[in-house]
Amino acid sequence: MAIHLTPTELGREAGMHRREVITKCMELGVPIFQGRIDKTLFLGSLKESQDKRALAKA
């Protein structure tokens, strides 16, 4: 199981489009190194961001 994925591969796994993955990386500060993204870091940062947003609404 690969951990470092291209934006297209990560988008498939996360249910997002390639461009959305890249945009989220920029927003969340997740590095893209040699065209690859750490899947664990990306998904963890995305979940944390969504949790913060949910708490702000409550």
N, C-alpha and C. Protein backbone atom coordinates (compact mmCIF):
# COMPACT_ATOMS: atom_id res chain seq x y z
N MET A 1 0.85 -1.18 0.00
CA MET A 1 0.00 0.00 0.00
C MET A 1 0.90 1.25 0.00
N ALA A 2 0.73 2.07 -0.99
CA ALA A 2 1.54 3.28 -1.14
C ALA A 2 1.05 4.38 -0.20
N ILE A 3 2.00 5.14 0.31
CA ILE A 3 1.67 6.25 1.19
C ILE A 3 1.81 7.57 0.46
N HIS A 4 2.77 7.67 -0.44
CA HIS A 4 2.99 8.90 -1.20
C HIS A 4 2.36 8.75 -2.57
N LEU A 5 1.31 9.53 -2.80
CA LEU A 5 0.52 9.39 -4.02
C LEU A 5 0.53 10.68 -4.85
N THR A 6 0.25 10.52 -6.13
CA THR A 6 0.08 11.70 -6.98
C THR A 6 -1.27 12.33 -6.63
N PRO A 7 -1.48 13.59 -7.01
CA PRO A 7 -2.78 14.22 -6.74
C PRO A 7 -3.95 13.44 -7.36
N THR A 8 -3.75 12.85 -8.52
CA THR A 8 -4.81 12.08 -9.17
C THR A 8 -5.14 10.83 -8.36
N GLU A 9 -4.12 10.10 -7.93
CA GLU A 9 -4.34 8.89 -7.14
C GLU A 9 -4.98 9.21 -5.80
N LEU A 10 -4.51 10.26 -5.17
CA LEU A 10 -5.06 10.67 -3.88
C LEU A 10 -6.51 11.14 -4.03
N GLY A 11 -6.78 11.84 -5.12
CA GLY A 11 -8.15 12.28 -5.39
C GLY A 11 -9.11 11.10 -5.52
N ARG A 12 -8.66 10.05 -6.20
CA ARG A 12 -9.48 8.85 -6.34
C ARG A 12 -9.79 8.24 -4.97
N GLU A 13 -8.80 8.16 -4.12
CA GLU A 13 -8.98 7.57 -2.80
C GLU A 13 -9.83 8.44 -1.88
N ALA A 14 -9.71 9.75 -2.01
CA ALA A 14 -10.42 10.67 -1.13
C ALA A 14 -11.77 11.10 -1.69
N GLY A 15 -12.08 10.70 -2.93
CA GLY A 15 -13.35 11.09 -3.54
C GLY A 15 -13.37 12.55 -3.95
N MET A 16 -12.22 13.06 -4.39
CA MET A 16 -12.10 14.45 -4.80
C MET A 16 -11.49 14.51 -6.20
N HIS A 17 -11.58 15.68 -6.80
CA HIS A 17 -10.92 15.90 -8.08
C HIS A 17 -9.47 16.29 -7.83
N ARG A 18 -8.63 16.06 -8.82
CA ARG A 18 -7.20 16.36 -8.72
C ARG A 18 -6.96 17.81 -8.31
N ARG A 19 -7.66 18.73 -8.93
CA ARG A 19 -7.47 20.15 -8.64
C ARG A 19 -7.87 20.48 -7.20
N GLU A 20 -8.94 19.82 -6.70
CA GLU A 20 -9.36 20.03 -5.31
C GLU A 20 -8.27 19.58 -4.33
N VAL A 21 -7.63 18.45 -4.64
CA VAL A 21 -6.56 17.94 -3.79
C VAL A 21 -5.42 18.95 -3.72
N ILE A 22 -5.02 19.48 -4.86
CA ILE A 22 -3.93 20.45 -4.90
C ILE A 22 -4.32 21.72 -4.14
N THR A 23 -5.54 22.19 -4.33
CA THR A 23 -6.02 23.39 -3.62
C THR A 23 -6.01 23.17 -2.11
N LYS A 24 -6.49 22.02 -1.67
CA LYS A 24 -6.51 21.72 -0.24
C LYS A 24 -5.10 21.64 0.33
N CYS A 25 -4.17 21.07 -0.44
CA CYS A 25 -2.78 21.02 0.01
C CYS A 25 -2.25 22.43 0.24
N MET A 26 -2.56 23.33 -0.67
CA MET A 26 -2.11 24.72 -0.53
C MET A 26 -2.75 25.37 0.70
N GLU A 27 -4.04 25.16 0.90
CA GLU A 27 -4.75 25.76 2.03
C GLU A 27 -4.26 25.22 3.37
N LEU A 28 -4.02 23.90 3.42
CA LEU A 28 -3.68 23.25 4.68
C LEU A 28 -2.18 23.17 4.95
N GLY A 29 -1.38 23.58 3.98
CA GLY A 29 0.05 23.55 4.16
C GLY A 29 0.67 22.16 4.05
N VAL A 30 0.00 21.29 3.32
CA VAL A 30 0.52 19.93 3.10
C VAL A 30 1.49 19.98 1.92
N PRO A 31 2.74 19.57 2.13
CA PRO A 31 3.72 19.68 1.04
C PRO A 31 3.48 18.68 -0.10
N ILE A 32 3.78 19.13 -1.30
CA ILE A 32 3.79 18.26 -2.47
C ILE A 32 5.25 18.17 -2.88
N PHE A 33 5.86 17.00 -2.70
CA PHE A 33 7.27 16.83 -2.95
C PHE A 33 7.47 15.90 -4.14
N GLN A 34 8.09 16.42 -5.17
CA GLN A 34 8.34 15.70 -6.42
C GLN A 34 7.04 15.09 -6.98
N GLY A 35 5.97 15.87 -6.89
CA GLY A 35 4.69 15.46 -7.46
C GLY A 35 3.93 14.45 -6.65
N ARG A 36 4.35 14.20 -5.43
CA ARG A 36 3.70 13.22 -4.56
C ARG A 36 3.26 13.88 -3.25
N ILE A 37 2.18 13.35 -2.68
CA ILE A 37 1.61 13.88 -1.45
C ILE A 37 1.51 12.74 -0.44
N ASP A 38 1.88 13.01 0.79
CA ASP A 38 1.76 12.02 1.85
C ASP A 38 0.27 11.84 2.17
N LYS A 39 -0.25 10.66 1.89
CA LYS A 39 -1.68 10.38 2.06
C LYS A 39 -2.13 10.55 3.51
N THR A 40 -1.35 10.04 4.45
CA THR A 40 -1.72 10.12 5.86
C THR A 40 -1.76 11.57 6.33
N LEU A 41 -0.77 12.34 5.96
CA LEU A 41 -0.72 13.76 6.35
C LEU A 41 -1.88 14.52 5.73
N PHE A 42 -2.17 14.27 4.45
CA PHE A 42 -3.25 14.97 3.77
C PHE A 42 -4.60 14.66 4.41
N LEU A 43 -4.90 13.36 4.59
CA LEU A 43 -6.20 12.98 5.14
C LEU A 43 -6.35 13.44 6.58
N GLY A 44 -5.27 13.39 7.36
CA GLY A 44 -5.32 13.86 8.75
C GLY A 44 -5.56 15.36 8.82
N SER A 45 -4.87 16.11 7.97
CA SER A 45 -5.05 17.57 7.94
C SER A 45 -6.46 17.94 7.47
N LEU A 46 -6.96 17.21 6.50
CA LEU A 46 -8.31 17.45 5.98
C LEU A 46 -9.35 17.19 7.07
N LYS A 47 -9.20 16.09 7.79
CA LYS A 47 -10.15 15.75 8.87
C LYS A 47 -10.10 16.80 9.98
N GLU A 48 -8.89 17.21 10.35
CA GLU A 48 -8.74 18.22 11.40
C GLU A 48 -9.40 19.54 10.99
N SER A 49 -9.23 19.91 9.74
CA SER A 49 -9.83 21.14 9.23
C SER A 49 -11.36 21.06 9.27
N GLN A 50 -11.89 19.92 8.89
CA GLN A 50 -13.35 19.73 8.90
C GLN A 50 -13.88 19.73 10.32
N ASP A 51 -13.13 19.12 11.26
CA ASP A 51 -13.55 19.10 12.66
C ASP A 51 -13.59 20.51 13.24
N LYS A 52 -12.57 21.32 12.93
CA LYS A 52 -12.53 22.69 13.41
C LYS A 52 -13.72 23.49 12.87
N ARG A 53 -14.03 23.27 11.59
CA ARG A 53 -15.15 23.97 10.98
C ARG A 53 -16.47 23.58 11.64
N ALA A 54 -16.61 22.30 11.98
CA ALA A 54 -17.84 21.81 12.63
C ALA A 54 -17.97 22.41 14.03
N LEU A 55 -16.87 22.52 14.75
CA LEU A 55 -16.91 23.11 16.09
C LEU A 55 -17.24 24.60 16.04
N ALA A 56 -16.76 25.27 15.01
CA ALA A 56 -17.02 26.70 14.86
C ALA A 56 -18.51 26.96 14.60
N LYS A 57 -19.15 26.03 13.89
CA LYS A 57 -20.58 26.19 13.60
C LYS A 57 -21.44 25.93 14.84
N ALA A 58 -20.97 25.05 15.72
CA ALA A 58 -21.77 24.64 16.89
C ALA A 58 -21.84 25.70 17.96
